[in-house]
Amino acid sequence: MLKRLSAALLLAATAAQAEPPFTCDGADPDWHLTLAGPMAQLRYLRNTDFEIPQSTRAEGRDWPRAYTLVSEFDTAIIILNEARCTVSGAQWPITAHVLTQRGTTPILLTGCCTVAE
C-alpha cells in the first residue's frame, strides 16, 4: 500500500512539473498567484508557499485544468480555463478561480492568468 501511495505521489509531482508556469492576478480583493513546477505562491492577506501534489485536466481536453495546493497550514484548489479575462483593464488569456480558506471560512477568489515567461 505504501509503495502504491509513494508511486502515486511521485507521478502527481511529475505531472505538476510538466505544466507550464502561470502568473495570475485578481482585483477586489487584490491577490497574486504564481504556479511553477511543483510549487506555488499565493499572495492574499499574507504570502503562502504551497506544494502542488496534483494537477489534472478535463477528461479528453486540455482545458480546464485543476491544481491542488498544500502548505503547512493552508490548502487551495485552483481552476484555470482558457478563456479571455480582464483584470484592472488588462486582457489576459486564462480565467482563474481559487478556492481556499482562512481558518474555517471558505474564500473564493476570481481573476486572470497568463503563461509566465
PDB file of N, CA and C in Angstrom:
ATOM      1  N   MET A   1       0.822  -1.192   0.000  1.00  0.00           N
ATOM      2  CA  MET A   1       0.000   0.000   0.000  1.00  0.00           C
ATOM      3  C   MET A   1       0.865   1.254   0.000  1.00  0.00           C
ATOM      4  N   LEU A   2       1.898   1.289   0.850  1.00  0.00           N
ATOM      5  CA  LEU A   2       2.780   2.445   0.934  1.00  0.00           C
ATOM      6  C   LEU A   2       3.517   2.665  -0.382  1.00  0.00           C
ATOM      7  N   LYS A   3       3.937   1.575  -1.041  1.00  0.00           N
ATOM      8  CA  LYS A   3       4.623   1.705  -2.326  1.00  0.00           C
ATOM      9  C   LYS A   3       3.699   2.320  -3.369  1.00  0.00           C
ATOM     10  N   ARG A   4       2.425   1.901  -3.387  1.00  0.00           N
ATOM     11  CA  ARG A   4       1.465   2.458  -4.346  1.00  0.00           C
ATOM     12  C   ARG A   4       1.236   3.944  -4.078  1.00  0.00           C
ATOM     13  N   LEU A   5       1.119   4.307  -2.811  1.00  0.00           N
ATOM     14  CA  LEU A   5       0.915   5.707  -2.447  1.00  0.00           C
ATOM     15  C   LEU A   5       2.126   6.534  -2.851  1.00  0.00           C
ATOM     16  N   SER A   6       3.339   6.051  -2.584  1.00  0.00           N
ATOM     17  CA  SER A   6       4.551   6.766  -2.962  1.00  0.00           C
ATOM     18  C   SER A   6       4.639   6.927  -4.471  1.00  0.00           C
ATOM     19  N   ALA A   7       4.304   5.888  -5.217  1.00  0.00           N
ATOM     20  CA  ALA A   7       4.326   5.960  -6.677  1.00  0.00           C
ATOM     21  C   ALA A   7       3.293   6.960  -7.183  1.00  0.00           C
ATOM     22  N   ALA A   8       2.123   6.986  -6.579  1.00  0.00           N
ATOM     23  CA  ALA A   8       1.080   7.932  -6.981  1.00  0.00           C
ATOM     24  C   ALA A   8       1.519   9.368  -6.711  1.00  0.00           C
ATOM     25  N   LEU A   9       2.136   9.621  -5.567  1.00  0.00           N
ATOM     26  CA  LEU A   9       2.616  10.959  -5.254  1.00  0.00           C
ATOM     27  C   LEU A   9       3.725  11.388  -6.205  1.00  0.00           C
ATOM     28  N   LEU A  10       4.624  10.481  -6.551  1.00  0.00           N
ATOM     29  CA  LEU A  10       5.695  10.783  -7.490  1.00  0.00           C
ATOM     30  C   LEU A  10       5.125  11.100  -8.865  1.00  0.00           C
ATOM     31  N   LEU A  11       4.156  10.321  -9.313  1.00  0.00           N
ATOM     32  CA  LEU A  11       3.513  10.561 -10.596  1.00  0.00           C
ATOM     33  C   LEU A  11       2.806  11.909 -10.600  1.00  0.00           C
ATOM     34  N   ALA A  12       2.108  12.237  -9.529  1.00  0.00           N
ATOM     35  CA  ALA A  12       1.408  13.524  -9.431  1.00  0.00           C
ATOM     36  C   ALA A  12       2.409  14.675  -9.439  1.00  0.00           C
ATOM     37  N   ALA A  13       3.510  14.551  -8.731  1.00  0.00           N
ATOM     38  CA  ALA A  13       4.527  15.607  -8.704  1.00  0.00           C
ATOM     39  C   ALA A  13       5.150  15.778 -10.080  1.00  0.00           C
ATOM     40  N   THR A  14       5.391  14.680 -10.800  1.00  0.00           N
ATOM     41  CA  THR A  14       5.937  14.757 -12.149  1.00  0.00           C
ATOM     42  C   THR A  14       4.962  15.464 -13.071  1.00  0.00           C
ATOM     43  N   ALA A  15       3.675  15.163 -12.960  1.00  0.00           N
ATOM     44  CA  ALA A  15       2.660  15.814 -13.787  1.00  0.00           C
ATOM     45  C   ALA A  15       2.618  17.308 -13.502  1.00  0.00           C
ATOM     46  N   ALA A  16       2.710  17.701 -12.244  1.00  0.00           N
ATOM     47  CA  ALA A  16       2.690  19.123 -11.889  1.00  0.00           C
ATOM     48  C   ALA A  16       3.912  19.829 -12.461  1.00  0.00           C
ATOM     49  N   GLN A  17       5.069  19.164 -12.480  1.00  0.00           N
ATOM     50  CA  GLN A  17       6.276  19.777 -13.010  1.00  0.00           C
ATOM     51  C   GLN A  17       6.188  19.959 -14.516  1.00  0.00           C
ATOM     52  N   ALA A  18       5.416  19.123 -15.222  1.00  0.00           N
ATOM     53  CA  ALA A  18       5.309  19.192 -16.668  1.00  0.00           C
ATOM     54  C   ALA A  18       4.423  20.346 -17.130  1.00  0.00           C
ATOM     55  N   GLU A  19       3.649  20.926 -16.246  1.00  0.00           N
ATOM     56  CA  GLU A  19       2.770  22.034 -16.592  1.00  0.00           C
ATOM     57  C   GLU A  19       3.600  23.305 -16.822  1.00  0.00           C
ATOM     58  N   PRO A  20       3.140  24.201 -17.718  1.00  0.00           N
ATOM     59  CA  PRO A  20       3.860  25.462 -17.877  1.00  0.00           C
ATOM     60  C   PRO A  20       3.681  26.338 -16.640  1.00  0.00           C
ATOM     61  N   PRO A  21       4.586  27.285 -16.418  1.00  0.00           N
ATOM     62  CA  PRO A  21       4.408  28.195 -15.283  1.00  0.00           C
ATOM     63  C   PRO A  21       3.328  29.227 -15.607  1.00  0.00           C
ATOM     64  N   PHE A  22       2.538  29.587 -14.606  1.00  0.00           N
ATOM     65  CA  PHE A  22       1.485  30.584 -14.764  1.00  0.00           C
ATOM     66  C   PHE A  22       1.671  31.696 -13.748  1.00  0.00           C
ATOM     67  N   THR A  23       1.262  32.888 -14.119  1.00  0.00           N
ATOM     68  CA  THR A  23       1.164  34.006 -13.186  1.00  0.00           C
ATOM     69  C   THR A  23      -0.262  34.535 -13.270  1.00  0.00           C
ATOM     70  N   CYS A  24      -0.861  34.790 -12.116  1.00  0.00           N
ATOM     71  CA  CYS A  24      -2.275  35.153 -12.049  1.00  0.00           C
ATOM     72  C   CYS A  24      -2.471  36.353 -11.129  1.00  0.00           C
ATOM     73  N   ASP A  25      -3.479  37.160 -11.453  1.00  0.00           N
ATOM     74  CA  ASP A  25      -3.830  38.317 -10.626  1.00  0.00           C
ATOM     75  C   ASP A  25      -5.334  38.422 -10.502  1.00  0.00           C
ATOM     76  N   GLY A  26      -5.760  38.990  -9.393  1.00  0.00           N
ATOM     77  CA  GLY A  26      -7.165  39.290  -9.176  1.00  0.00           C
ATOM     78  C   GLY A  26      -7.293  40.641  -8.499  1.00  0.00           C
ATOM     79  N   ALA A  27      -8.477  41.236  -8.633  1.00  0.00           N
ATOM     80  CA  ALA A  27      -8.729  42.543  -8.016  1.00  0.00           C
ATOM     81  C   ALA A  27     -10.072  42.504  -7.309  1.00  0.00           C
ATOM     82  N   ASP A  28     -10.178  43.303  -6.259  1.00  0.00           N
ATOM     83  CA  ASP A  28     -11.429  43.409  -5.468  1.00  0.00           C
ATOM     84  C   ASP A  28     -11.885  42.063  -4.936  1.00  0.00           C
ATOM     85  N   PRO A  29     -11.117  41.390  -4.142  1.00  0.00           N
ATOM     86  CA  PRO A  29      -9.879  41.792  -3.471  1.00  0.00           C
ATOM     87  C   PRO A  29      -8.643  41.508  -4.330  1.00  0.00           C
ATOM     88  N   ASP A  30      -7.558  42.206  -4.005  1.00  0.00           N
ATOM     89  CA  ASP A  30      -6.296  42.020  -4.717  1.00  0.00           C
ATOM     90  C   ASP A  30      -5.608  40.747  -4.250  1.00  0.00           C
ATOM     91  N   TRP A  31      -5.123  39.970  -5.217  1.00  0.00           N
ATOM     92  CA  TRP A  31      -4.359  38.768  -4.922  1.00  0.00           C
ATOM     93  C   TRP A  31      -3.436  38.478  -6.099  1.00  0.00           C
ATOM     94  N   HIS A  32      -2.404  37.679  -5.856  1.00  0.00           N
ATOM     95  CA  HIS A  32      -1.462  37.276  -6.906  1.00  0.00           C
ATOM     96  C   HIS A  32      -1.065  35.828  -6.640  1.00  0.00           C
ATOM     97  N   LEU A  33      -0.961  35.064  -7.717  1.00  0.00           N
ATOM     98  CA  LEU A  33      -0.603  33.648  -7.621  1.00  0.00           C
ATOM     99  C   LEU A  33       0.416  33.325  -8.696  1.00  0.00           C
ATOM    100  N   THR A  34       1.443  32.576  -8.328  1.00  0.00           N
ATOM    101  CA  THR A  34       2.355  32.011  -9.315  1.00  0.00           C
ATOM    102  C   THR A  34       2.337  30.496  -9.149  1.00  0.00           C
ATOM    103  N   LEU A  35       2.284  29.805 -10.262  1.00  0.00           N
ATOM    104  CA  LEU A  35       2.372  28.342 -10.298  1.00  0.00           C
ATOM    105  C   LEU A  35       3.590  28.011 -11.145  1.00  0.00           C
ATOM    106  N   ALA A  36       4.561  27.315 -10.592  1.00  0.00           N
ATOM    107  CA  ALA A  36       5.776  26.978 -11.324  1.00  0.00           C
ATOM    108  C   ALA A  36       6.291  25.629 -10.851  1.00  0.00           C
ATOM    109  N   GLY A  37       6.238  24.657 -11.754  1.00  0.00           N
ATOM    110  CA  GLY A  37       6.716  23.322 -11.404  1.00  0.00           C
ATOM    111  C   GLY A  37       5.911  22.744 -10.259  1.00  0.00           C
ATOM    112  N   PRO A  38       6.573  22.221  -9.248  1.00  0.00           N
ATOM    113  CA  PRO A  38       5.847  21.605  -8.134  1.00  0.00           C
ATOM    114  C   PRO A  38       5.497  22.598  -7.023  1.00  0.00           C
ATOM    115  N   MET A  39       5.695  23.921  -7.260  1.00  0.00           N
ATOM    116  CA  MET A  39       5.476  24.918  -6.213  1.00  0.00           C
ATOM    117  C   MET A  39       4.537  26.025  -6.682  1.00  0.00           C
ATOM    118  N   ALA A  40       3.891  26.662  -5.728  1.00  0.00           N
ATOM    119  CA  ALA A  40       3.032  27.818  -5.991  1.00  0.00           C
ATOM    120  C   ALA A  40       3.186  28.795  -4.837  1.00  0.00           C
ATOM    121  N   GLN A  41       2.922  30.063  -5.133  1.00  0.00           N
ATOM    122  CA  GLN A  41       2.900  31.072  -4.074  1.00  0.00           C
ATOM    123  C   GLN A  41       1.660  31.924  -4.262  1.00  0.00           C
ATOM    124  N   LEU A  42       0.881  32.063  -3.197  1.00  0.00           N
ATOM    125  CA  LEU A  42      -0.315  32.892  -3.191  1.00  0.00           C
ATOM    126  C   LEU A  42      -0.083  34.081  -2.275  1.00  0.00           C
ATOM    127  N   ARG A  43      -0.277  35.273  -2.825  1.00  0.00           N
ATOM    128  CA  ARG A  43      -0.223  36.494  -2.021  1.00  0.00           C
ATOM    129  C   ARG A  43      -1.652  37.005  -1.889  1.00  0.00           C
ATOM    130  N   TYR A  44      -2.240  36.721  -0.758  1.00  0.00           N
ATOM    131  CA  TYR A  44      -3.565  37.214  -0.411  1.00  0.00           C
ATOM    132  C   TYR A  44      -3.640  37.233   1.115  1.00  0.00           C
ATOM    133  N   LEU A  45      -3.728  38.395   1.683  1.00  0.00           N
ATOM    134  CA  LEU A  45      -3.695  38.616   3.130  1.00  0.00           C
ATOM    135  C   LEU A  45      -2.318  38.310   3.721  1.00  0.00           C
ATOM    136  N   ARG A  46      -1.619  37.329   3.178  1.00  0.00           N
ATOM    137  CA  ARG A  46      -0.243  37.002   3.561  1.00  0.00           C
ATOM    138  C   ARG A  46       0.363  36.186   2.421  1.00  0.00           C
ATOM    139  N   ASN A  47       1.660  35.995   2.435  1.00  0.00           N
ATOM    140  CA  ASN A  47       2.321  35.153   1.437  1.00  0.00           C
ATOM    141  C   ASN A  47       2.293  33.712   1.912  1.00  0.00           C
ATOM    142  N   THR A  48       1.834  32.818   1.061  1.00  0.00           N
ATOM    143  CA  THR A  48       1.803  31.398   1.405  1.00  0.00           C
ATOM    144  C   THR A  48       2.474  30.612   0.294  1.00  0.00           C
ATOM    145  N   ASP A  49       3.472  29.812   0.650  1.00  0.00           N
ATOM    146  CA  ASP A  49       4.134  28.913  -0.289  1.00  0.00           C
ATOM    147  C   ASP A  49       3.459  27.551  -0.214  1.00  0.00           C
ATOM    148  N   PHE A  50       3.116  27.009  -1.379  1.00  0.00           N
ATOM    149  CA  PHE A  50       2.421  25.732  -1.471  1.00  0.00           C
ATOM    150  C   PHE A  50       3.231  24.737  -2.291  1.00  0.00           C
ATOM    151  N   GLU A  51       3.031  23.479  -2.022  1.00  0.00           N
ATOM    152  CA  GLU A  51       3.444  22.409  -2.920  1.00  0.00           C
ATOM    153  C   GLU A  51       2.233  22.079  -3.773  1.00  0.00           C
ATOM    154  N   ILE A  52       2.479  21.606  -5.003  1.00  0.00           N
ATOM    155  CA  ILE A  52       1.405  21.194  -5.900  1.00  0.00           C
ATOM    156  C   ILE A  52       1.503  19.677  -6.061  1.00  0.00           C
ATOM    157  N   PRO A  53       0.828  18.914  -5.200  1.00  0.00           N
ATOM    158  CA  PRO A  53       0.941  17.466  -5.286  1.00  0.00           C
ATOM    159  C   PRO A  53       0.148  16.856  -6.435  1.00  0.00           C
ATOM    160  N   GLN A  54      -0.811  17.622  -6.994  1.00  0.00           N
ATOM    161  CA  GLN A  54      -1.635  17.045  -8.051  1.00  0.00           C
ATOM    162  C   GLN A  54      -2.121  18.129  -9.007  1.00  0.00           C
ATOM    163  N   SER A  55      -2.108  17.798 -10.291  1.00  0.00           N
ATOM    164  CA  SER A  55      -2.744  18.636 -11.303  1.00  0.00           C
ATOM    165  C   SER A  55      -3.462  17.702 -12.261  1.00  0.00           C
ATOM    166  N   THR A  56      -4.550  18.201 -12.838  1.00  0.00           N
ATOM    167  CA  THR A  56      -5.319  17.378 -13.758  1.00  0.00           C
ATOM    168  C   THR A  56      -5.980  18.260 -14.799  1.00  0.00           C
ATOM    169  N   ARG A  57      -6.330  17.653 -15.912  1.00  0.00           N
ATOM    170  CA  ARG A  57      -7.047  18.337 -16.989  1.00  0.00           C
ATOM    171  C   ARG A  57      -8.407  17.684 -17.156  1.00  0.00           C
ATOM    172  N   ALA A  58      -9.326  18.418 -17.750  1.00  0.00           N
ATOM    173  CA  ALA A  58     -10.643  17.854 -18.019  1.00  0.00           C
ATOM    174  C   ALA A  58     -10.479  16.607 -18.894  1.00  0.00           C
ATOM    175  N   GLU A  59     -11.301  15.625 -18.657  1.00  0.00           N
ATOM    176  CA  GLU A  59     -11.228  14.365 -19.409  1.00  0.00           C
ATOM    177  C   GLU A  59     -11.275  14.626 -20.912  1.00  0.00           C
ATOM    178  N   GLY A  60     -10.227  14.180 -21.614  1.00  0.00           N
ATOM    179  CA  GLY A  60     -10.179  14.276 -23.063  1.00  0.00           C
ATOM    180  C   GLY A  60      -9.938  15.678 -23.613  1.00  0.00           C
ATOM    181  N   ARG A  61      -9.576  16.638 -22.746  1.00  0.00           N
ATOM    182  CA  ARG A  61      -9.390  18.023 -23.183  1.00  0.00           C
ATOM    183  C   ARG A  61      -8.163  18.625 -22.499  1.00  0.00           C
ATOM    184  N   ASP A  62      -7.666  19.719 -23.060  1.00  0.00           N
ATOM    185  CA  ASP A  62      -6.552  20.439 -22.428  1.00  0.00           C
ATOM    186  C   ASP A  62      -7.028  21.390 -21.337  1.00  0.00           C
ATOM    187  N   TRP A  63      -8.269  21.898 -21.454  1.00  0.00           N
ATOM    188  CA  TRP A  63      -8.806  22.886 -20.524  1.00  0.00           C
ATOM    189  C   TRP A  63     -10.197  22.466 -20.104  1.00  0.00           C
ATOM    190  N   PRO A  64     -10.645  22.802 -18.922  1.00  0.00           N
ATOM    191  CA  PRO A  64      -9.922  23.483 -17.846  1.00  0.00           C
ATOM    192  C   PRO A  64      -8.906  22.571 -17.162  1.00  0.00           C
ATOM    193  N   ARG A  65      -8.073  23.199 -16.340  1.00  0.00           N
ATOM    194  CA  ARG A  65      -7.054  22.496 -15.560  1.00  0.00           C
ATOM    195  C   ARG A  65      -7.273  22.794 -14.085  1.00  0.00           C
ATOM    196  N   ALA A  66      -7.014  21.807 -13.245  1.00  0.00           N
ATOM    197  CA  ALA A  66      -7.179  21.970 -11.797  1.00  0.00           C
ATOM    198  C   ALA A  66      -5.868  21.629 -11.106  1.00  0.00           C
ATOM    199  N   TYR A  67      -5.558  22.381 -10.064  1.00  0.00           N
ATOM    200  CA  TYR A  67      -4.337  22.188  -9.280  1.00  0.00           C
ATOM    201  C   TYR A  67      -4.707  22.121  -7.807  1.00  0.00           C
ATOM    202  N   THR A  68      -4.155  21.142  -7.115  1.00  0.00           N
ATOM    203  CA  THR A  68      -4.316  21.023  -5.672  1.00  0.00           C
ATOM    204  C   THR A  68      -3.073  21.611  -5.023  1.00  0.00           C
ATOM    205  N   LEU A  69      -3.253  22.564  -4.124  1.00  0.00           N
ATOM    206  CA  LEU A  69      -2.145  23.218  -3.439  1.00  0.00           C
ATOM    207  C   LEU A  69      -2.217  22.902  -1.946  1.00  0.00           C
ATOM    208  N   VAL A  70      -1.062  22.579  -1.362  1.00  0.00           N
ATOM    209  CA  VAL A  70      -0.994  22.221   0.054  1.00  0.00           C
ATOM    210  C   VAL A  70       0.202  22.914   0.691  1.00  0.00           C
ATOM    211  N   SER A  71      -0.041  23.553   1.835  1.00  0.00           N
ATOM    212  CA  SER A  71       1.047  24.130   2.627  1.00  0.00           C
ATOM    213  C   SER A  71       0.919  23.580   4.041  1.00  0.00           C
ATOM    214  N   GLU A  72       1.773  24.064   4.919  1.00  0.00           N
ATOM    215  CA  GLU A  72       1.742  23.579   6.297  1.00  0.00           C
ATOM    216  C   GLU A  72       0.399  23.868   6.972  1.00  0.00           C
ATOM    217  N   PHE A  73      -0.197  25.038   6.678  1.00  0.00           N
ATOM    218  CA  PHE A  73      -1.432  25.426   7.355  1.00  0.00           C
ATOM    219  C   PHE A  73      -2.627  25.625   6.430  1.00  0.00           C
ATOM    220  N   ASP A  74      -2.400  25.771   5.126  1.00  0.00           N
ATOM    221  CA  ASP A  74      -3.477  26.088   4.197  1.00  0.00           C
ATOM    222  C   ASP A  74      -3.522  25.096   3.048  1.00  0.00           C
ATOM    223  N   THR A  75      -4.669  25.077   2.379  1.00  0.00           N
ATOM    224  CA  THR A  75      -4.841  24.330   1.147  1.00  0.00           C
ATOM    225  C   THR A  75      -5.586  25.223   0.164  1.00  0.00           C
ATOM    226  N   ALA A  76      -5.527  24.865  -1.099  1.00  0.00           N
ATOM    227  CA  ALA A  76      -6.275  25.594  -2.115  1.00  0.00           C
ATOM    228  C   ALA A  76      -6.491  24.689  -3.313  1.00  0.00           C
ATOM    229  N   ILE A  77      -7.551  24.952  -4.036  1.00  0.00           N
ATOM    230  CA  ILE A  77      -7.819  24.319  -5.324  1.00  0.00           C
ATOM    231  C   ILE A  77      -7.866  25.451  -6.341  1.00  0.00           C
ATOM    232  N   ILE A  78      -7.116  25.312  -7.424  1.00  0.00           N
ATOM    233  CA  ILE A  78      -7.074  26.321  -8.479  1.00  0.00           C
ATOM    234  C   ILE A  78      -7.687  25.705  -9.732  1.00  0.00           C
ATOM    235  N   ILE A  79      -8.625  26.417 -10.348  1.00  0.00           N
ATOM    236  CA  ILE A  79      -9.204  26.001 -11.627  1.00  0.00           C
ATOM    237  C   ILE A  79      -8.833  27.068 -12.649  1.00  0.00           C
ATOM    238  N   LEU A  80      -8.102  26.669 -13.698  1.00  0.00           N
ATOM    239  CA  LEU A  80      -7.744  27.567 -14.787  1.00  0.00           C
ATOM    240  C   LEU A  80      -8.494  27.133 -16.039  1.00  0.00           C
ATOM    241  N   ASN A  81      -8.967  28.105 -16.829  1.00  0.00           N
ATOM    242  CA  ASN A  81      -9.651  27.793 -18.075  1.00  0.00           C
ATOM    243  C   ASN A  81      -9.190  28.769 -19.147  1.00  0.00           C
ATOM    244  N   GLU A  82      -8.998  28.252 -20.330  1.00  0.00           N
ATOM    245  CA  GLU A  82      -8.550  29.068 -21.452  1.00  0.00           C
ATOM    246  C   GLU A  82      -9.733  29.882 -21.966  1.00  0.00           C
ATOM    247  N   ALA A  83      -9.886  31.068 -21.419  1.00  0.00           N
ATOM    248  CA  ALA A  83     -10.968  31.977 -21.782  1.00  0.00           C
ATOM    249  C   ALA A  83     -10.491  33.392 -21.480  1.00  0.00           C
ATOM    250  N   ARG A  84     -10.766  34.327 -22.376  1.00  0.00           N
ATOM    251  CA  ARG A  84     -10.333  35.715 -22.159  1.00  0.00           C
ATOM    252  C   ARG A  84     -10.893  36.263 -20.866  1.00  0.00           C
ATOM    253  N   CYS A  85     -10.099  37.126 -20.263  1.00  0.00           N
ATOM    254  CA  CYS A  85     -10.404  37.617 -18.929  1.00  0.00           C
ATOM    255  C   CYS A  85      -9.837  39.030 -18.797  1.00  0.00           C
ATOM    256  N   THR A  86     -10.465  39.858 -17.982  1.00  0.00           N
ATOM    257  CA  THR A  86      -9.989  41.220 -17.760  1.00  0.00           C
ATOM    258  C   THR A  86      -9.816  41.472 -16.271  1.00  0.00           C
ATOM    259  N   VAL A  87      -8.637  41.993 -15.900  1.00  0.00           N
ATOM    260  CA  VAL A  87      -8.361  42.430 -14.530  1.00  0.00           C
ATOM    261  C   VAL A  87      -7.728  43.805 -14.611  1.00  0.00           C
ATOM    262  N   SER A  88      -8.306  44.748 -13.904  1.00  0.00           N
ATOM    263  CA  SER A  88      -7.788  46.117 -13.849  1.00  0.00           C
ATOM    264  C   SER A  88      -7.545  46.690 -15.247  1.00  0.00           C
ATOM    265  N   GLY A  89      -8.442  46.389 -16.185  1.00  0.00           N
ATOM    266  CA  GLY A  89      -8.356  46.914 -17.540  1.00  0.00           C
ATOM    267  C   GLY A  89      -7.426  46.167 -18.472  1.00  0.00           C
ATOM    268  N   ALA A  90      -6.675  45.200 -17.972  1.00  0.00           N
ATOM    269  CA  ALA A  90      -5.746  44.423 -18.806  1.00  0.00           C
ATOM    270  C   ALA A  90      -6.403  43.120 -19.247  1.00  0.00           C
ATOM    271  N   GLN A  91      -6.171  42.736 -20.512  1.00  0.00           N
ATOM    272  CA  GLN A  91      -6.701  41.487 -21.056  1.00  0.00           C
ATOM    273  C   GLN A  91      -5.725  40.340 -20.784  1.00  0.00           C
ATOM    274  N   TRP A  92      -6.253  39.206 -20.351  1.00  0.00           N
ATOM    275  CA  TRP A  92      -5.479  38.008 -20.059  1.00  0.00           C
ATOM    276  C   TRP A  92      -6.114  36.843 -20.819  1.00  0.00           C
ATOM    277  N   PRO A  93      -5.354  35.801 -21.156  1.00  0.00           N
ATOM    278  CA  PRO A  93      -5.913  34.695 -21.940  1.00  0.00           C
ATOM    279  C   PRO A  93      -6.560  33.562 -21.128  1.00  0.00           C
ATOM    280  N   ILE A  94      -6.424  33.594 -19.801  1.00  0.00           N
ATOM    281  CA  ILE A  94      -6.863  32.466 -18.973  1.00  0.00           C
ATOM    282  C   ILE A  94      -7.632  32.984 -17.755  1.00  0.00           C
ATOM    283  N   THR A  95      -8.774  32.364 -17.447  1.00  0.00           N
ATOM    284  CA  THR A  95      -9.509  32.708 -16.226  1.00  0.00           C
ATOM    285  C   THR A  95      -9.015  31.830 -15.080  1.00  0.00           C
ATOM    286  N   ALA A  96      -9.142  32.355 -13.863  1.00  0.00           N
ATOM    287  CA  ALA A  96      -8.700  31.616 -12.672  1.00  0.00           C
ATOM    288  C   ALA A  96      -9.755  31.709 -11.587  1.00  0.00           C
ATOM    289  N   HIS A  97      -9.961  30.589 -10.901  1.00  0.00           N
ATOM    290  CA  HIS A  97     -10.811  30.526  -9.708  1.00  0.00           C
ATOM    291  C   HIS A  97      -9.985  29.826  -8.634  1.00  0.00           C
ATOM    292  N   VAL A  98      -9.839  30.482  -7.488  1.00  0.00           N
ATOM    293  CA  VAL A  98      -9.044  29.961  -6.378  1.00  0.00           C
ATOM    294  C   VAL A  98      -9.982  29.744  -5.203  1.00  0.00           C
ATOM    295  N   LEU A  99     -10.100  28.500  -4.761  1.00  0.00           N
ATOM    296  CA  LEU A  99     -10.892  28.182  -3.574  1.00  0.00           C
ATOM    297  C   LEU A  99      -9.924  27.839  -2.452  1.00  0.00           C
ATOM    298  N   THR A 100      -9.933  28.651  -1.403  1.00  0.00           N
ATOM    299  CA  THR A 100      -9.043  28.448  -0.261  1.00  0.00           C
ATOM    300  C   THR A 100      -9.826  28.755   1.009  1.00  0.00           C
ATOM    301  N   GLN A 101      -9.146  28.974   2.100  1.00  0.00           N
ATOM    302  CA  GLN A 101      -9.831  29.273   3.352  1.00  0.00           C
ATOM    303  C   GLN A 101      -8.910  30.032   4.277  1.00  0.00           C
ATOM    304  N   ARG A 102      -9.504  30.696   5.222  1.00  0.00           N
ATOM    305  CA  ARG A 102      -8.790  31.281   6.354  1.00  0.00           C
ATOM    306  C   ARG A 102      -9.494  30.739   7.578  1.00  0.00           C
ATOM    307  N   GLY A 103      -8.821  29.852   8.269  1.00  0.00           N
ATOM    308  CA  GLY A 103      -9.463  29.145   9.374  1.00  0.00           C
ATOM    309  C   GLY A 103     -10.564  28.264   8.811  1.00  0.00           C
ATOM    310  N   THR A 104     -11.777  28.433   9.297  1.00  0.00           N
ATOM    311  CA  THR A 104     -12.899  27.634   8.796  1.00  0.00           C
ATOM    312  C   THR A 104     -13.754  28.403   7.798  1.00  0.00           C
ATOM    313  N   THR A 105     -13.298  29.593   7.382  1.00  0.00           N
ATOM    314  CA  THR A 105     -14.058  30.415   6.438  1.00  0.00           C
ATOM    315  C   THR A 105     -13.584  30.164   5.013  1.00  0.00           C
ATOM    316  N   PRO A 106     -14.454  29.629   4.136  1.00  0.00           N
ATOM    317  CA  PRO A 106     -14.055  29.425   2.743  1.00  0.00           C
ATOM    318  C   PRO A 106     -13.944  30.757   2.014  1.00  0.00           C
ATOM    319  N   ILE A 107     -12.988  30.838   1.094  1.00  0.00           N
ATOM    320  CA  ILE A 107     -12.760  32.042   0.294  1.00  0.00           C
ATOM    321  C   ILE A 107     -12.667  31.622  -1.163  1.00  0.00           C
ATOM    322  N   LEU A 108     -13.429  32.293  -2.032  1.00  0.00           N
ATOM    323  CA  LEU A 108     -13.356  32.074  -3.470  1.00  0.00           C
ATOM    324  C   LEU A 108     -12.851  33.353  -4.114  1.00  0.00           C
ATOM    325  N   LEU A 109     -11.691  33.263  -4.754  1.00  0.00           N
ATOM    326  CA  LEU A 109     -11.096  34.393  -5.460  1.00  0.00           C
ATOM    327  C   LEU A 109     -11.199  34.148  -6.958  1.00  0.00           C
ATOM    328  N   THR A 110     -11.481  35.193  -7.734  1.00  0.00           N
ATOM    329  CA  THR A 110     -11.515  35.063  -9.192  1.00  0.00           C
ATOM    330  C   THR A 110     -10.543  36.052  -9.784  1.00  0.00           C
ATOM    331  N   GLY A 111      -9.981  35.687 -10.929  1.00  0.00           N
ATOM    332  CA  GLY A 111      -9.022  36.558 -11.594  1.00  0.00           C
ATOM    333  C   GLY A 111      -8.595  35.975 -12.920  1.00  0.00           C
ATOM    334  N   CYS A 112      -7.432  36.382 -13.363  1.00  0.00           N
ATOM    335  CA  CYS A 112      -6.926  36.036 -14.693  1.00  0.00           C
ATOM    336  C   CYS A 112      -5.477  35.597 -14.620  1.00  0.00           C
ATOM    337  N   CYS A 113      -5.071  34.796 -15.614  1.00  0.00           N
ATOM    338  CA  CYS A 113      -3.699  34.278 -15.658  1.00  0.00           C
ATOM    339  C   CYS A 113      -3.135  34.362 -17.079  1.00  0.00           C
ATOM    340  N   THR A 114      -1.834  34.205 -17.136  1.00  0.00           N
ATOM    341  CA  THR A 114      -1.125  34.044 -18.395  1.00  0.00           C
ATOM    342  C   THR A 114       0.022  33.080 -18.148  1.00  0.00           C
ATOM    343  N   VAL A 115       0.552  32.502 -19.228  1.00  0.00           N
ATOM    344  CA  VAL A 115       1.723  31.668 -19.096  1.00  0.00           C
ATOM    345  C   VAL A 115       2.890  32.591 -18.781  1.00  0.00           C
ATOM    346  N   ALA A 116       3.635  32.300 -17.725  1.00  0.00           N
ATOM    347  CA  ALA A 116       4.764  33.131 -17.297  1.00  0.00           C
ATOM    348  C   ALA A 116       5.942  32.927 -18.244  1.00  0.00           C
ATOM    349  N   GLU A 117       6.701  33.989 -18.416  1.00  0.00           N
ATOM    350  CA  GLU A 117       7.888  33.889 -19.276  1.00  0.00           C
ATOM    351  C   GLU A 117       9.125  33.669 -18.466  1.00  0.00           C
TER     352      GLU A 117
END
